[in-house]
Amino acid sequence: MKKNVKSLEVDFMTEGLDGRQYYQVCETVRDKNVLERELASLEAISNHNSNIF
C-alpha cells in the first residue's frame, strides 16, 4: 500500500533515553485494509527505534 506520508498519522510518540518510540492504536485489524493502513504509518518512519502496534 503506497500512501503520501502527509496523509499518514501515528497515534503516539514518546522520547526517552532509548530514543523515540512510535505507537499505533487500533480497535481491530481483522480487516486486511485496516491492518495495512495502520502499519503503513509505522513503516513510513525512517528514523524509528521502536514501533509498537
Protein backbone atom coordinates (compact mmCIF):
# COMPACT_ATOMS: atom_id res chain seq x y z
CA MET A 1 0.00 0.00 0.00
CA LYS A 2 1.59 3.27 -1.08
CA LYS A 3 0.42 6.45 0.56
CA ASN A 4 1.57 10.02 0.73
CA VAL A 5 3.43 10.40 4.03
CA LYS A 6 1.48 13.59 4.74
CA SER A 7 -1.75 11.56 4.80
CA LEU A 8 -0.41 9.13 7.42
CA GLU A 9 -0.51 9.55 11.16
CA VAL A 10 0.92 7.87 14.23
CA ASP A 11 -1.22 7.89 17.36
CA PHE A 12 1.50 8.45 19.96
CA MET A 13 5.22 9.21 20.05
CA THR A 14 7.42 9.15 23.15
CA GLU A 15 11.01 10.21 23.50
CA GLY A 16 13.29 8.84 26.18
CA LEU A 17 16.83 7.70 26.85
CA ASP A 18 16.47 4.91 24.28
CA GLY A 19 15.24 7.30 21.59
CA ARG A 20 11.79 7.66 20.09
CA GLN A 21 9.07 5.06 20.21
CA TYR A 22 6.02 5.24 17.98
CA TYR A 23 2.65 3.75 18.93
CA GLN A 24 -0.26 2.89 16.68
CA VAL A 25 -3.58 2.01 18.33
CA CYS A 26 -6.47 0.29 16.63
CA GLU A 27 -9.60 -1.43 17.94
CA THR A 28 -9.29 -4.29 15.46
CA VAL A 29 -7.18 -5.31 12.49
CA ARG A 30 -9.35 -8.17 11.28
CA ASP A 31 -9.87 -6.34 8.01
CA LYS A 32 -6.74 -6.59 5.85
CA ASN A 33 -7.19 -2.99 4.62
CA VAL A 34 -7.28 -1.67 8.18
CA LEU A 35 -4.12 -3.58 9.08
CA GLU A 36 -2.30 -2.28 6.00
CA ARG A 37 -3.43 1.30 6.72
CA GLU A 38 -2.31 1.14 10.35
CA LEU A 39 1.07 -0.43 9.58
CA ALA A 40 1.76 1.99 6.71
CA SER A 41 2.15 4.85 9.18
CA LEU A 42 4.79 2.97 11.17
CA GLU A 43 6.58 1.70 8.08
CA ALA A 44 6.88 5.26 6.73
CA ILE A 45 9.02 6.32 9.69
CA SER A 46 12.63 6.10 8.57
CA ASN A 47 14.33 7.03 11.86
CA HIS A 48 12.45 4.67 14.14
CA ASN A 49 13.95 2.83 17.06
CA SER A 50 10.82 1.03 18.12
CA ASN A 51 7.32 0.86 16.71
CA ILE A 52 4.53 -0.59 18.82
CA PHE A 53 1.24 -1.70 17.38
